[in-house]
Protein backbone atom coordinates (compact mmCIF):
# COMPACT_ATOMS: atom_id res chain seq x y z
CA MET A 1 -20.14 28.31 -59.95
CA THR A 2 -24.01 27.30 -61.68
CA ASN A 3 -26.96 27.24 -60.32
CA GLU A 4 -27.32 23.84 -61.12
CA GLU A 5 -23.33 22.90 -59.60
CA LEU A 6 -24.23 24.86 -56.70
CA LEU A 7 -27.30 22.21 -55.98
CA LYS A 8 -25.42 19.66 -56.56
CA LYS A 9 -23.18 21.08 -53.92
CA ASN A 10 -26.08 21.43 -51.29
CA GLN A 11 -26.91 18.03 -52.45
CA GLU A 12 -24.25 16.10 -51.38
CA LEU A 13 -23.39 18.35 -48.37
CA GLU A 14 -26.87 17.13 -47.03
CA LYS A 15 -25.69 13.66 -47.94
CA ARG A 16 -22.88 13.80 -45.94
CA ILE A 17 -24.50 15.33 -42.79
CA LEU A 18 -27.35 12.60 -42.97
CA GLU A 19 -24.50 10.02 -42.75
CA LEU A 20 -22.66 11.62 -39.88
CA GLU A 21 -25.95 11.80 -37.90
CA GLY A 22 -26.50 7.96 -38.78
CA VAL A 23 -22.73 7.44 -37.51
CA LYS A 24 -23.56 9.02 -34.42
CA LYS A 25 -26.76 8.03 -33.47
CA THR A 26 -25.53 4.06 -33.47
CA ILE A 27 -22.72 5.56 -31.17
CA PRO A 28 -23.71 3.22 -28.09
CA LYS A 29 -24.26 5.97 -25.14
CA ILE A 30 -22.23 5.01 -21.90
CA PRO A 31 -24.17 4.32 -19.08
CA THR A 32 -23.84 6.34 -15.95
CA TYR A 33 -24.97 5.59 -12.50
CA GLN A 34 -25.84 7.07 -9.44
CA TYR A 35 -24.14 5.83 -6.26
CA SER A 36 -27.35 6.94 -3.99
CA ARG A 37 -29.37 4.03 -6.59
CA ILE A 38 -26.56 0.98 -7.66
CA LYS A 39 -27.25 -2.03 -6.16
CA ASP A 40 -25.15 -5.19 -6.48
CA VAL A 41 -26.55 -6.39 -10.05
CA ASP A 42 -25.33 -2.86 -11.25
CA LEU A 43 -21.91 -3.26 -10.24
CA ASP A 44 -21.84 -7.23 -11.49
CA ASN A 45 -22.72 -5.93 -14.92
CA ILE A 46 -20.30 -3.06 -15.39
CA VAL A 47 -17.08 -4.71 -12.97
CA GLU A 48 -16.04 -7.91 -12.20
CA ILE A 49 -16.17 -7.37 -8.16
CA SER A 50 -16.93 -10.09 -5.43
CA GLN A 51 -16.73 -10.74 -1.33
CA LYS A 52 -13.52 -12.74 0.39
CA LEU A 53 -13.96 -13.78 3.90
CA ASN A 54 -10.43 -13.57 5.88
CA LYS A 55 -11.42 -12.94 9.48
CA ASN A 56 -7.26 -11.62 10.01
CA LYS A 57 -7.49 -9.09 7.42
CA PHE A 58 -9.13 -6.32 9.46
CA ASN A 59 -5.99 -6.50 12.44
CA ASP A 60 -4.14 -4.46 11.30
CA TRP A 61 -6.69 -1.77 11.59
CA PHE A 62 -8.86 -2.84 14.76
CA ASN A 63 -5.72 -4.25 16.59
CA ASN A 64 -4.24 -1.14 16.86
CA SER A 65 -2.21 0.82 19.71
CA ILE A 66 -4.45 3.48 20.08
CA LYS A 67 -5.31 4.12 24.17
CA LEU A 68 -8.47 6.36 24.49
CA GLU A 69 -8.11 9.29 27.13
CA LYS A 70 -10.06 9.71 29.90
CA ASN A 71 -11.73 12.57 28.38
CA ASP A 72 -12.10 10.88 24.96
CA GLU A 73 -14.27 7.88 27.47
CA LYS A 74 -15.75 10.59 28.67
CA PHE A 75 -17.12 11.70 25.69
CA LEU A 76 -18.17 8.96 24.75
CA GLU A 77 -20.05 7.95 27.54
CA LYS A 78 -21.99 10.73 27.42
CA LEU A 79 -23.00 10.71 23.93
CA LEU A 80 -24.48 7.44 24.42
CA GLU A 81 -26.17 8.51 27.28
CA GLU A 82 -27.50 11.10 25.94
CA GLU A 83 -28.31 9.66 22.49
CA GLY A 84 -27.92 5.77 22.65
CA GLU A 85 -31.55 5.46 23.09
CA TYR A 86 -32.68 7.10 20.25
CA LEU A 87 -30.53 5.73 17.51
CA SER A 88 -32.53 3.32 16.05
CA ILE A 89 -35.51 5.62 15.91
CA TYR A 90 -33.77 8.81 14.20
CA SER A 91 -34.10 9.89 11.14
CA GLU A 92 -31.15 10.08 8.45
CA GLU A 93 -30.63 13.64 9.16
CA ASN A 94 -31.35 13.26 12.92
CA LEU A 95 -28.70 10.76 13.44
CA LYS A 96 -26.18 12.77 11.43
CA MET A 97 -26.48 15.83 13.58
CA ARG A 98 -27.08 14.26 17.01
CA PHE A 99 -24.77 11.28 16.55
CA LEU A 100 -22.34 10.86 13.92
CA SER A 101 -21.34 14.81 13.65
CA PRO A 102 -20.03 15.23 17.32
CA LEU A 103 -18.36 11.78 17.29
CA LEU A 104 -16.56 12.80 13.72
CA ILE A 105 -15.71 16.65 15.02
CA ARG A 106 -14.00 14.69 18.11
CA VAL A 107 -11.72 12.50 15.20
CA ASN A 108 -11.03 15.57 13.91
CA PHE A 109 -9.89 14.89 10.57
CA LYS A 110 -9.24 18.32 9.58
CA THR A 111 -6.01 19.23 9.37
CA ASP A 112 -3.40 20.88 7.02
CA ASP A 113 -3.64 18.64 4.36
CA PHE A 114 -6.98 17.10 4.43
CA LYS A 115 -10.21 16.82 5.91
CA ASP A 116 -13.67 16.05 5.82
CA PHE A 117 -16.31 16.80 3.05
CA TYR A 118 -20.21 16.18 3.12
CA ASP A 119 -22.15 15.23 0.24
CA GLU A 120 -18.95 15.86 -2.16
CA LYS A 121 -19.73 15.46 -5.95
CA LEU A 122 -17.58 12.44 -7.27
CA THR A 123 -17.48 11.24 -10.92
CA TYR A 124 -15.07 8.23 -12.33
CA LYS A 125 -15.40 7.46 -16.75
CA ASN A 126 -14.22 4.80 -18.58
CA GLU A 127 -14.72 3.84 -22.00
CA LYS A 128 -17.74 1.39 -20.65
CA PHE A 129 -19.88 3.59 -17.51
CA ILE A 130 -19.74 6.26 -15.69
CA LEU A 131 -19.97 6.38 -11.58
CA SER A 132 -20.93 9.44 -10.39
CA GLY A 133 -23.36 11.58 -7.88
CA GLU A 134 -22.74 12.94 -4.28
CA VAL A 135 -21.37 11.27 -1.47
CA ASP A 136 -21.95 11.61 2.28
CA ILE A 137 -18.92 11.86 4.13
CA ILE A 138 -15.46 11.50 2.02
CA ILE A 139 -11.82 12.27 3.48
CA SER A 140 -9.92 14.05 1.17
CA THR A 141 -7.39 16.41 0.53
CA GLY A 142 -8.36 19.92 -0.81
CA LEU A 143 -9.45 23.19 0.93
CA ARG A 144 -12.90 23.49 -0.97
CA ARG A 145 -13.59 20.62 -3.49
CA ALA A 146 -12.07 17.09 -2.38
CA LYS A 147 -9.39 16.15 -4.47
CA LYS A 148 -7.51 12.66 -3.35
CA PRO A 149 -10.18 10.77 -1.30
CA TYR A 150 -8.29 8.29 1.32
CA PHE A 151 -11.65 7.34 3.64
CA PHE A 152 -15.58 7.02 3.04
CA ILE A 153 -18.49 7.11 5.23
CA GLN A 154 -21.91 5.83 3.27
CA GLU A 155 -25.48 6.29 4.90
CA PHE A 156 -27.51 7.25 7.58
CA LYS A 157 -30.01 4.83 6.84
CA ARG A 158 -32.08 3.13 10.11
CA SER A 159 -32.50 0.02 7.78
CA GLU A 160 -31.34 -1.63 4.45
CA ASP A 161 -35.59 -0.79 3.92
CA TYR A 162 -33.97 2.54 3.11
CA GLY A 163 -31.56 1.34 0.33
CA ASN A 164 -28.57 -0.64 0.85
CA PRO A 165 -25.01 1.19 1.60
CA ARG A 166 -23.22 -1.60 1.01
CA PRO A 167 -23.20 -1.19 -3.16
CA GLN A 168 -23.04 2.17 -2.62
CA LEU A 169 -20.19 2.57 -1.25
CA LEU A 170 -18.36 0.00 -3.19
CA ALA A 171 -18.96 2.15 -6.33
CA GLU A 172 -17.17 5.17 -4.54
CA MET A 173 -14.40 3.35 -3.35
CA ILE A 174 -14.06 1.65 -6.91
CA SER A 175 -14.04 5.42 -8.95
CA ALA A 176 -11.39 6.34 -5.84
CA VAL A 177 -9.29 3.40 -6.63
CA GLU A 178 -9.62 4.68 -10.06
CA LEU A 179 -9.50 8.23 -9.84
CA ASN A 180 -5.98 7.95 -7.50
CA LYS A 181 -4.29 5.38 -9.29
CA THR A 182 -3.89 3.23 -6.71
CA THR A 183 -5.13 -0.22 -5.41
CA ASN A 184 -6.70 -0.13 -2.18
CA MET A 185 -9.27 1.95 -0.41
CA ARG A 186 -11.29 1.92 2.85
CA GLY A 187 -14.52 2.95 4.34
CA VAL A 188 -17.42 2.43 6.28
CA PHE A 189 -21.01 2.20 5.74
CA LEU A 190 -23.50 2.71 8.48
CA THR A 191 -27.46 0.31 8.60
CA GLY A 192 -28.94 2.40 11.76
CA VAL A 193 -26.73 1.66 14.50
CA ILE A 194 -24.64 -0.89 12.91
CA TRP A 195 -21.04 -0.21 11.57
CA ASN A 196 -19.35 -1.88 8.85
CA PHE A 197 -15.97 -1.62 7.96
CA VAL A 198 -14.83 -1.91 4.52
CA ILE A 199 -11.36 -2.17 2.82
CA LEU A 200 -11.34 -2.73 -1.33
CA GLU A 201 -8.25 -3.92 -3.16
CA LYS A 202 -8.02 -3.52 -6.93
CA LEU A 203 -7.24 -7.10 -8.65
CA GLY A 204 -6.85 -6.18 -12.13
CA VAL A 205 -8.95 -4.09 -15.09
CA ASP A 206 -12.44 -3.75 -13.81
CA LYS A 207 -11.60 -6.38 -11.23
CA TYR A 208 -11.69 -6.23 -7.63
CA GLN A 209 -12.37 -7.90 -4.20
CA TYR A 210 -13.44 -6.39 -0.59
CA PHE A 211 -13.58 -7.43 2.72
CA ILE A 212 -16.08 -6.82 5.38
CA SER A 213 -15.98 -6.61 9.14
CA LYS A 214 -17.49 -7.45 12.01
CA VAL A 215 -20.31 -5.46 12.99
CA PHE A 216 -20.24 -2.59 15.82
CA ASN A 217 -23.00 -1.83 17.61
CA SER A 218 -23.07 2.24 18.29
CA THR A 219 -25.58 1.92 21.10
CA ASN A 220 -22.63 -0.39 23.02
CA LEU A 221 -20.07 1.76 24.63
CA GLU A 222 -17.65 -0.88 24.15
CA ASP A 223 -18.19 -1.02 20.24
CA LEU A 224 -18.11 2.66 20.14
CA LYS A 225 -14.67 3.01 21.71
CA GLY A 226 -13.98 0.55 19.07
CA ILE A 227 -15.58 2.80 16.23
CA TYR A 228 -13.70 5.79 17.46
CA ARG A 229 -10.35 4.13 17.52
CA ASN A 230 -10.69 2.26 14.18
CA LEU A 231 -11.66 5.84 12.97
CA LYS A 232 -8.59 7.70 14.86
CA PHE A 233 -6.54 4.98 13.01
CA VAL A 234 -7.97 5.93 9.37
CA LYS A 235 -7.04 9.64 10.56
CA ASN A 236 -3.00 8.67 11.52
CA GLU A 237 -3.06 6.31 8.58
CA ILE A 238 -3.82 9.17 6.19
CA ILE A 239 -1.91 11.45 7.77
CA GLU A 240 1.49 9.09 7.19
CA MET A 241 0.49 8.58 3.64
CA VAL A 242 0.25 12.60 2.87
CA ARG A 243 3.79 13.36 4.12
CA LYS A 244 5.25 10.27 2.80
CA GLU A 245 3.59 11.43 -1.00
CA LYS A 246 4.95 14.93 -0.21
């Protein structure tokens, strides 16, 4: 091959490279949304999602037959007696360590098949968007890393001034529904002392609806007992779901 032919071939290769780079630059970048920063407007931009009102939606969950043992009642009474007055002023970490952690340890989500994971990485990606970040608490199968999520507990914030936990929880639940290839997911978000339980349902491709429960005020003993029973119900439900999957 002569020098002139080599020069011409190099010029053709350079032209092709420039053309490929131009094509690459025109490919739109898939937007990524972090759970900790996502807002309602972001969710509305990437999926079709709406809140529905149905006072009977939580009947099976809240009207469960779980009876508290005497030692459970004493534990909750003592926890509230020691921490109740501080819950509205605790920082995020204090609220987690002094109140939420003892409560979850008492429920004990750790079994041979699933357990509670903290600050766990979760990512869902499709052709239009990516949802990613660390979730506060996830109940999932897995030993070292979460594999199949069943329930989420989102945020230890004192008020919504510190960030709205609801869209964050919904984004996590959407990710779990898609990753699990299922149609529904349960979760709960905390705004200081207030707990709201949530049910998410998938209706179609990128189309969802959700329901938010009545509020449970964790400084109220009867509400705290209800929170405890609701979490125990979730644990028992996951045990049954895993059993059927086996």
